[in-house]
Amino acid sequence: MDNITLVIASSNEGKIKEFKKLLEDLPVNLLNQPFGFEVEETGKTFIENARIKAIAVSKETGNLSLADDSGLSVEALGGAPGVYSSRYASSDEERIEKLLTELKPFQNRKAKFECALCIAFGENILIEVS
């Protein structure tokens, strides 16, 4: 049986490396999304953004595509930064600094990391998990 080709729908090198490590024992040929291909994340939830990316990359490549979206949701900030975690500030250091500044008036520091995954083939969603 031939291996299935699966395109990782991300241009984030760290994320690509993580997925390749997680999937290395599966019978799949892992490919990166085409260089320079960007997908605008317009969803209001993590699963919507994962779905948008998986469908776009699958349609672009003609292969199965795996996408994720993830971020930090802080209770005292009404779930922020949430789906905007990566755009919350321009670097990890600045994101941490901004978050701590916004949390100063609150005693509640409860937060959770959320992640959603989607595998698509064209417009067809094969798997969604959040």
Foldseek 3Di string as FASTA:
>chain_A
DAAFEEEELDPDPVVLVVVCVVCVPPRYHYHYQDPPDDFDQPDPAFQSSQLRSQQVSLVVPQGKYKGKAKAKFWVVVVGPPHSCHPVCDPDPVVSVVVVVVVCVVDPRGDMDMDMWMWIAHHNRTDDIDD
